[in-house]
Amino acid sequence: MIKNSKNYKDEYTNYYFKVFGEPQLVLKSLRESIAVDVDNNEYIDLLGAIAVNTLGGAHDELADEIAKQAKNVMHTSNFFTTTSQIELAKKLLFIADFPTNSRVFLTNSGTESVECALKIIKKYANTSKKPRILALTNSFHGRTLGALSLTYKEKYRTPFAPLIPDVEFIEAGNLQSLEDAFTTRRCEEDGEIAGLFVEIIQGEAGVINLSKDYIQRARELTIQNNALLVVDEVQTGVGRTGSWFAFQDTGIQPDVITVAKGLAGGFPIGAVIANPQAAEILLPGEHGTTFGGNPLAASAALKVIEVIERDNLLENARKIYTCVVHHYEGTGRRTRGKGALMAIEVKNERSLDVAKLVLQPKSAEKERGVIVNPVNNSWIRIAPALNIELDLLEKGLIKLDEAFKECEDEQY
């Protein structure tokens, strides 16, 4: 029997955990920025697996590099290392421009990177007797119990309470709330905050940019109070915003950054980059990983960074931003974000309807088929591959406009 999308979706529902709901598509291929489902419908991918597919799908050089590495060493325990693991650590420190004697820890995902960063802060809190950890409203740092403790949305947190204690949420972007957090004392000790976690662009909140003034003041206050500043670059890192990392456009130097998503262009990997002070906090035996630093993942990440450098994809990310902004200039429709991480406004809180409509494949009446994300009721998120052709991006935006027009009509 030849299976179609419905058959596969039924099987998915029968055999898979019910944590995602029914999948929207059953894909059989993704080449560059064109996805094809099992029914042979084509889609323009403007989401890049939510900022993961840095070079699009099945990039030839990336696939060849993974295959080449697989024929040498696929995995080894952390009793040993490999050249790709070492070279990746060096490269990450270079592109992040961290100071001499900074260190890297490789993980498998964004939430694992956040867990490692949180363990750094928790140990610092315990040894320095600074009990409080700050995170921001609208934050998203992951779904494991530690990362979830830093994630703001109640519906994610409540089923798993109680979570890690002494995490406080302050209003994102509000300078007064930031100042108050550092001046309010719960106990007599001076400087009782151990660390602050921030996303410079809050992706899951709707692609909301925090101002440079806010980030700079956060850095000043953490330095003054001997607290550590962790910048979550899981979604914004590795060229997504038009710089290697979003913090590099703010004029600050964090103590720790967390990285994942686009680092290996679709192969699972994460990383923590820490300055000398933070890197020395975790001692031998206090943290570890089985698969982190896997030579396949490390080789893939090195290839992604190489292609970004060679093909000038940081500049192309900035061109993507300019293309989207110009496309909507004068239309009354707002855009926000940076580089190849953008959000486009939807009227009448119809973003889910827009995303569903524009995802429908080509029919006799209309040619649709565009992958986007309704990040909340009023905004559509896009995060295309950094190497997407601008003509294809424009074509996808035109199709999206048709869905906007139809869905935003109250009579729809």
Protein backbone atom coordinates (compact mmCIF):
# COMPACT_ATOMS: atom_id res chain seq x y z
CA MET A 1 0.00 0.00 0.00
CA ILE A 2 1.30 3.44 -0.91
CA LYS A 3 0.89 5.66 2.13
CA ASN A 4 -0.20 9.29 1.99
CA SER A 5 -0.03 12.10 4.55
CA LYS A 6 -3.21 10.95 6.28
CA ASN A 7 -1.88 7.42 6.76
CA TYR A 8 1.36 8.68 8.26
CA LYS A 9 -0.41 11.20 10.50
CA ASP A 10 -2.69 8.46 11.82
CA GLU A 11 0.34 6.31 12.63
CA TYR A 12 2.08 9.25 14.30
CA THR A 13 -0.98 9.81 16.49
CA ASN A 14 -1.09 6.13 17.42
CA TYR A 15 2.58 5.65 18.25
CA TYR A 16 4.05 8.98 19.37
CA PHE A 17 3.71 10.90 22.65
CA LYS A 18 0.83 13.40 22.48
CA VAL A 19 2.98 16.42 23.30
CA PHE A 20 2.97 18.11 19.89
CA GLY A 21 -0.47 17.35 18.50
CA GLU A 22 -0.94 16.14 14.95
CA PRO A 23 1.90 17.19 12.64
CA GLN A 24 0.99 19.78 10.02
CA LEU A 25 3.03 18.06 7.29
CA VAL A 26 4.78 14.76 6.68
CA LEU A 27 7.93 15.78 4.85
CA LYS A 28 10.03 13.52 2.66
CA SER A 29 12.64 16.02 1.52
CA LEU A 30 13.96 19.48 2.21
CA ARG A 31 16.45 20.85 -0.29
CA GLU A 32 17.71 24.36 0.29
CA SER A 33 14.49 26.27 1.16
CA ILE A 34 12.00 24.04 -0.66
CA ALA A 35 10.21 21.33 1.32
CA VAL A 36 8.32 18.43 -0.29
CA ASP A 37 5.75 16.32 1.55
CA VAL A 38 4.91 12.65 0.99
CA ASP A 39 2.09 13.71 -1.35
CA ASN A 40 4.67 15.59 -3.49
CA ASN A 41 3.37 19.05 -2.59
CA GLU A 42 6.05 21.75 -2.47
CA TYR A 43 6.43 24.48 0.14
CA ILE A 44 8.65 27.52 0.49
CA ASP A 45 10.31 27.19 3.88
CA LEU A 46 10.49 30.56 5.64
CA LEU A 47 10.90 29.02 9.09
CA GLY A 48 14.10 26.98 8.78
CA ALA A 49 12.93 24.48 11.41
CA ILE A 50 12.60 27.47 13.77
CA ALA A 51 16.06 28.93 13.12
CA VAL A 52 17.84 25.55 12.92
CA ASN A 53 18.44 24.90 9.21
CA THR A 54 21.08 27.60 8.82
CA LEU A 55 22.08 26.46 5.33
CA GLY A 56 18.65 25.18 4.32
CA GLY A 57 17.83 21.50 4.02
CA ALA A 58 20.29 18.82 2.86
CA HIS A 59 23.10 21.25 2.04
CA ASP A 60 25.51 19.21 -0.07
CA GLU A 61 28.74 20.20 1.68
CA LEU A 62 27.22 19.70 5.12
CA ALA A 63 25.84 16.27 4.21
CA ASP A 64 29.20 15.26 2.72
CA GLU A 65 31.06 16.41 5.83
CA ILE A 66 28.81 14.37 8.12
CA ALA A 67 29.20 11.30 5.90
CA LYS A 68 32.98 11.74 5.80
CA GLN A 69 33.21 11.99 9.58
CA ALA A 70 30.90 8.98 10.01
CA LYS A 71 33.43 6.83 8.14
CA ASN A 72 36.13 7.78 10.64
CA VAL A 73 34.76 8.26 14.16
CA MET A 74 31.01 8.41 14.82
CA HIS A 75 31.23 8.52 18.60
CA THR A 76 33.65 8.17 21.47
CA SER A 77 33.24 8.46 25.22
CA ASN A 78 34.36 11.54 27.11
CA PHE A 79 37.42 9.59 28.24
CA PHE A 80 38.77 10.74 24.85
CA THR A 81 38.42 13.69 22.50
CA THR A 82 38.56 14.22 18.76
CA THR A 83 40.13 16.86 16.56
CA SER A 84 36.73 18.21 15.48
CA GLN A 85 35.70 18.77 19.11
CA ILE A 86 38.87 20.73 19.84
CA GLU A 87 38.70 22.74 16.62
CA LEU A 88 35.07 23.64 17.23
CA ALA A 89 35.80 24.90 20.75
CA LYS A 90 38.58 27.10 19.38
CA LYS A 91 36.36 28.38 16.57
CA LEU A 92 33.48 29.22 18.89
CA LEU A 93 35.74 31.23 21.18
CA PHE A 94 37.09 33.05 18.14
CA ILE A 95 33.75 34.04 16.60
CA ALA A 96 32.30 34.93 20.01
CA ASP A 97 35.44 37.00 20.72
CA PHE A 98 35.61 35.82 24.32
CA PRO A 99 38.70 36.70 26.38
CA THR A 100 41.79 34.53 26.72
CA ASN A 101 41.31 31.49 28.98
CA SER A 102 37.58 31.31 28.27
CA ARG A 103 36.20 27.80 27.80
CA VAL A 104 33.56 25.86 25.83
CA PHE A 105 31.33 22.96 26.86
CA LEU A 106 29.53 21.10 24.08
CA THR A 107 26.00 19.75 24.60
CA ASN A 108 23.24 18.24 22.45
CA SER A 109 20.58 20.96 22.55
CA GLY A 110 19.59 24.42 23.69
CA THR A 111 17.92 23.29 26.88
CA GLU A 112 21.02 21.27 27.84
CA SER A 113 23.14 24.37 27.28
CA VAL A 114 20.83 26.35 29.56
CA GLU A 115 20.98 23.55 32.17
CA CYS A 116 24.77 23.77 32.17
CA ALA A 117 24.67 27.57 32.50
CA LEU A 118 22.14 27.26 35.33
CA LYS A 119 24.39 24.81 37.17
CA ILE A 120 27.19 27.37 36.91
CA ILE A 121 24.92 30.00 38.43
CA LYS A 122 23.54 27.67 41.12
CA LYS A 123 26.99 26.65 42.29
CA TYR A 124 28.10 30.28 42.27
CA ALA A 125 24.97 31.12 44.29
CA ASN A 126 25.77 28.44 46.86
CA THR A 127 29.46 29.23 47.25
CA SER A 128 29.03 33.02 47.28
CA LYS A 129 25.86 32.93 49.41
CA LYS A 130 23.92 34.84 46.77
CA PRO A 131 20.56 33.04 46.68
CA ARG A 132 18.67 34.93 43.98
CA ILE A 133 18.57 34.22 40.23
CA LEU A 134 16.83 36.63 37.86
CA ALA A 135 15.05 35.88 34.59
CA LEU A 136 12.74 38.01 32.45
CA THR A 137 9.04 38.01 31.81
CA ASN A 138 8.17 36.44 28.43
CA SER A 139 11.39 34.43 28.54
CA PHE A 140 11.78 30.97 27.03
CA HIS A 141 14.86 28.96 27.94
CA GLY A 142 13.72 25.37 27.46
CA ARG A 143 11.55 22.60 28.90
CA THR A 144 13.77 20.50 31.15
CA LEU A 145 13.13 21.21 34.83
CA GLY A 146 16.06 23.58 35.27
CA ALA A 147 15.52 25.50 32.05
CA LEU A 148 11.78 25.50 32.74
CA SER A 149 12.46 27.27 36.04
CA LEU A 150 13.73 30.21 33.94
CA THR A 151 10.87 30.06 31.42
CA TYR A 152 8.10 32.54 32.13
CA LYS A 153 4.89 31.10 30.67
CA GLU A 154 2.75 29.64 33.44
CA LYS A 155 1.14 26.94 31.29
CA TYR A 156 4.59 25.44 30.72
CA ARG A 157 5.59 25.67 34.39
CA THR A 158 2.51 24.87 36.47
CA PRO A 159 2.19 21.11 35.75
CA PHE A 160 5.75 20.54 37.00
CA ALA A 161 5.85 22.77 40.08
CA PRO A 162 7.64 23.15 42.36
CA LEU A 163 10.64 24.04 40.22
CA ILE A 164 14.06 25.39 41.21
CA PRO A 165 13.59 27.93 44.04
CA ASP A 166 14.86 31.50 44.21
CA VAL A 167 14.23 32.28 40.53
CA GLU A 168 12.53 35.67 40.18
CA PHE A 169 11.01 37.17 37.03
CA ILE A 170 11.44 40.86 36.35
CA GLU A 171 9.73 42.83 33.60
CA ALA A 172 11.63 42.44 30.33
CA GLY A 173 12.89 45.71 28.90
CA ASN A 174 11.81 47.78 31.91
CA LEU A 175 14.81 49.64 33.29
CA GLN A 176 13.09 50.50 36.57
CA SER A 177 12.21 46.86 37.20
CA LEU A 178 15.83 45.95 36.52
CA GLU A 179 17.14 48.63 38.89
CA ASP A 180 14.66 47.63 41.60
CA ALA A 181 15.70 43.98 41.42
CA PHE A 182 19.29 44.87 42.23
CA THR A 183 18.48 47.40 44.97
CA THR A 184 15.85 45.36 46.81
CA ARG A 185 17.35 43.22 49.55
CA ARG A 186 15.88 40.06 51.04
CA CYS A 187 18.73 39.59 53.46
CA GLU A 188 21.62 41.56 54.91
CA GLU A 189 24.26 40.39 52.48
CA ASP A 190 25.41 42.88 49.90
CA GLY A 191 24.77 41.87 46.30
CA GLU A 192 22.58 38.84 46.85
CA ILE A 193 21.87 38.16 43.15
CA ALA A 194 23.93 35.32 41.70
CA GLY A 195 22.99 35.72 38.04
CA LEU A 196 20.69 37.16 35.40
CA PHE A 197 19.47 35.28 32.31
CA VAL A 198 18.42 37.31 29.26
CA GLU A 199 17.50 36.80 25.62
CA ILE A 200 18.45 39.87 23.59
CA ILE A 201 15.64 38.98 21.19
CA GLN A 202 12.79 37.10 22.89
CA GLY A 203 11.86 34.69 20.13
CA GLU A 204 9.00 32.69 21.64
CA ALA A 205 7.48 35.89 23.04
CA GLY A 206 6.97 37.18 19.50
CA VAL A 207 10.46 38.22 18.36
CA ILE A 208 10.76 41.16 20.75
CA ASN A 209 14.04 43.09 20.73
CA LEU A 210 15.35 44.30 24.07
CA SER A 211 16.96 47.71 23.76
CA LYS A 212 20.71 48.24 23.77
CA ASP A 213 20.29 50.57 26.78
CA TYR A 214 18.55 47.81 28.72
CA ILE A 215 21.20 45.20 27.93
CA GLN A 216 24.03 47.60 28.74
CA ARG A 217 22.45 48.52 32.08
CA ALA A 218 21.95 44.83 32.86
CA ARG A 219 25.67 44.30 32.28
CA GLU A 220 26.60 47.29 34.47
CA LEU A 221 24.41 46.12 37.34
CA THR A 222 25.65 42.53 37.21
CA ILE A 223 29.26 43.73 37.28
CA GLN A 224 28.59 46.14 40.16
CA ASN A 225 26.90 43.39 42.17
CA ASN A 226 29.32 40.57 41.33
CA ALA A 227 26.54 38.67 39.57
CA LEU A 228 26.97 36.62 36.41
CA LEU A 229 25.20 37.61 33.17
CA VAL A 230 24.04 34.75 30.95
CA VAL A 231 22.86 35.60 27.43
CA ASP A 232 20.71 32.91 25.82
CA GLU A 233 21.78 32.83 22.16
CA VAL A 234 20.09 29.51 21.38
CA GLN A 235 17.84 31.08 18.74
CA THR A 236 19.86 34.20 17.87
CA GLY A 237 23.36 32.74 17.60
CA VAL A 238 25.55 31.62 14.70
CA GLY A 239 24.71 34.44 12.30
CA ARG A 240 20.94 34.50 12.71
CA THR A 241 20.80 38.24 13.47
CA GLY A 242 23.44 39.31 10.95
CA SER A 243 26.26 39.09 13.50
CA TRP A 244 27.75 35.91 14.87
CA PHE A 245 25.88 36.54 18.13
CA ALA A 246 23.22 39.07 19.09
CA PHE A 247 25.16 40.34 22.11
CA GLN A 248 27.91 41.58 19.79
CA ASP A 249 25.65 44.41 18.59
CA THR A 250 25.03 45.69 22.12
CA GLY A 251 28.55 46.62 23.18
CA ILE A 252 28.63 44.21 26.14
CA GLN A 253 30.55 41.06 27.00
CA PRO A 254 28.49 38.42 28.85
CA ASP A 255 29.96 35.99 31.34
CA VAL A 256 28.23 33.03 29.68
CA ILE A 257 26.34 32.45 26.44
CA THR A 258 24.24 29.43 25.49
CA VAL A 259 24.15 28.25 21.87
CA ALA A 260 22.33 25.53 19.90
CA LYS A 261 19.71 25.49 17.11
CA GLY A 262 21.55 26.67 13.97
CA LEU A 263 25.06 25.76 15.09
CA ALA A 264 25.25 22.52 13.07
CA GLY A 265 22.59 23.35 10.49
CA GLY A 266 20.14 20.67 11.63
CA PHE A 267 22.42 18.16 13.35
CA PRO A 268 21.73 18.13 17.12
CA ILE A 269 24.29 20.16 19.06
CA GLY A 270 24.57 22.85 21.69
CA ALA A 271 27.34 24.79 23.37
CA VAL A 272 28.11 26.87 26.42
CA ILE A 273 30.78 29.55 26.12
CA ALA A 274 32.05 30.97 29.42
CA ASN A 275 34.63 33.56 30.38
CA PRO A 276 37.53 32.54 32.66
CA GLN A 277 35.70 33.30 35.92
CA ALA A 278 32.53 31.39 35.00
CA ALA A 279 34.37 28.54 33.28
CA GLU A 280 36.26 27.68 36.49
CA ILE A 281 33.13 27.28 38.64
CA LEU A 282 32.26 23.70 37.64
CA LEU A 283 34.95 21.28 38.80
CA PRO A 284 35.80 17.78 37.46
CA GLY A 285 32.87 15.43 37.99
CA GLU A 286 30.32 18.20 38.56
CA HIS A 287 28.91 18.12 35.05
CA GLY A 288 29.06 15.84 32.05
CA THR A 289 27.42 14.51 28.91
CA THR A 290 27.42 11.28 26.92
CA PHE A 291 26.83 12.66 23.44
CA GLY A 292 27.87 16.30 23.80
CA GLY A 293 30.87 17.05 21.59
CA ASN A 294 30.01 14.12 19.35
CA PRO A 295 32.45 14.20 16.40
CA LEU A 296 29.63 14.11 13.83
CA ALA A 297 27.99 17.16 15.41
CA ALA A 298 31.28 19.00 15.88
CA SER A 299 32.30 18.38 12.26
CA ALA A 300 28.89 19.57 11.07
CA ALA A 301 29.17 22.75 13.14
CA LEU A 302 32.64 23.50 11.77
CA LYS A 303 31.32 23.12 8.23
CA VAL A 304 28.36 25.44 8.92
CA ILE A 305 30.68 28.12 10.30
CA GLU A 306 33.02 27.68 7.32
CA VAL A 307 30.19 28.14 4.80
CA ILE A 308 28.82 31.18 6.65
CA GLU A 309 32.27 32.79 6.52
CA ARG A 310 33.03 31.83 2.92
CA ASP A 311 29.64 32.77 1.46
CA ASN A 312 29.28 35.96 3.52
CA LEU A 313 25.99 34.79 5.01
CA LEU A 314 26.11 37.30 7.85
CA GLU A 315 25.59 39.96 5.21
CA ASN A 316 22.87 37.88 3.58
CA ALA A 317 21.05 37.69 6.93
CA ARG A 318 21.07 41.48 6.99
CA LYS A 319 19.76 41.52 3.42
CA ILE A 320 16.90 39.24 4.47
CA TYR A 321 15.95 41.78 7.13
CA THR A 322 16.08 44.64 4.63
CA CYS A 323 14.00 42.67 2.12
CA VAL A 324 11.24 41.99 4.65
CA VAL A 325 11.20 45.56 5.97
CA HIS A 326 11.04 47.04 2.46
CA HIS A 327 8.33 44.59 1.43
CA TYR A 328 6.03 45.89 4.17
CA GLU A 329 7.05 49.53 4.11
CA GLY A 330 4.04 51.78 3.60
CA THR A 331 1.55 48.93 4.07
CA GLY A 332 0.70 49.75 7.68
CA ARG A 333 1.89 46.29 8.69
CA ARG A 334 4.63 46.34 11.33
CA THR A 335 7.72 44.14 11.35
CA ARG A 336 10.27 43.53 14.09
CA GLY A 337 13.33 41.44 14.77
CA LYS A 338 16.81 41.45 13.32
CA GLY A 339 18.63 39.72 10.48
CA ALA A 340 16.94 36.47 9.51
CA LEU A 341 14.79 36.35 12.66
CA MET A 342 11.70 38.43 12.00
CA ALA A 343 8.06 38.78 12.99
CA ILE A 344 5.29 40.23 10.80
CA GLU A 345 2.15 41.72 12.29
CA VAL A 346 -1.27 40.09 11.79
CA LYS A 347 -4.52 42.03 12.24
CA ASN A 348 -7.55 40.83 14.22
CA GLU A 349 -5.50 38.20 16.07
CA ARG A 350 -5.71 35.84 13.09
CA SER A 351 -2.12 34.59 12.96
CA LEU A 352 -3.08 30.93 13.37
CA ASP A 353 -5.59 31.22 10.54
CA VAL A 354 -3.00 32.93 8.34
CA ALA A 355 -0.38 30.24 8.99
CA LYS A 356 -2.84 27.42 8.27
CA LEU A 357 -4.12 29.06 5.09
CA VAL A 358 -0.71 29.87 3.62
CA LEU A 359 0.48 26.33 4.38
CA GLN A 360 -2.18 24.81 2.13
CA PRO A 361 -0.51 23.39 -0.99
CA LYS A 362 -1.06 24.55 -4.55
CA SER A 363 -4.59 24.09 -5.82
CA ALA A 364 -6.45 24.89 -9.04
CA GLU A 365 -7.50 28.24 -7.60
CA LYS A 366 -4.46 29.43 -5.65
CA GLU A 367 -0.79 28.65 -5.31
CA ARG A 368 0.14 28.74 -1.65
CA GLY A 369 2.48 26.45 0.26
CA VAL A 370 4.61 28.55 2.62
CA ILE A 371 5.93 27.43 6.02
CA VAL A 372 5.73 30.12 8.73
CA ASN A 373 5.04 30.14 12.47
CA PRO A 374 2.15 31.88 14.29
CA VAL A 375 4.33 32.74 17.28
CA ASN A 376 1.37 34.38 19.03
CA ASN A 377 -2.10 35.65 18.08
CA SER A 378 -0.85 38.80 16.39
CA TRP A 379 2.54 37.96 14.91
CA ILE A 380 3.92 35.54 12.33
CA ARG A 381 7.54 34.48 12.89
CA ILE A 382 9.93 33.73 10.04
CA ALA A 383 13.50 32.44 10.36
CA PRO A 384 14.59 31.33 6.89
CA ALA A 385 17.90 29.76 5.98
CA LEU A 386 20.70 32.32 5.93
CA ASN A 387 21.40 31.40 2.29
CA ILE A 388 17.82 31.70 0.99
CA GLU A 389 17.56 33.36 -2.41
CA LEU A 390 15.98 36.78 -1.96
CA ASP A 391 13.70 36.17 -4.95
CA LEU A 392 12.35 33.06 -3.25
CA LEU A 393 11.90 34.99 -0.01
CA GLU A 394 9.96 37.66 -1.87
CA LYS A 395 7.80 35.01 -3.54
CA GLY A 396 6.98 33.55 -0.13
CA LEU A 397 6.07 36.96 1.26
CA ILE A 398 3.69 37.61 -1.66
CA LYS A 399 1.91 34.33 -0.93
CA LEU A 400 1.79 35.28 2.74
CA ASP A 401 0.22 38.62 1.78
CA GLU A 402 -2.60 36.78 0.02
CA ALA A 403 -3.31 34.85 3.20
CA PHE A 404 -3.20 38.08 5.21
CA LYS A 405 -5.76 39.66 2.92
CA GLU A 406 -8.14 36.73 3.10
CA CYS A 407 -7.86 36.02 6.83
CA GLU A 408 -7.95 39.58 8.07
CA ASP A 409 -11.26 40.20 6.36
CA GLU A 410 -13.82 39.91 9.15
CA GLN A 411 -16.11 38.06 6.77
CA TYR A 412 -13.59 35.27 6.26
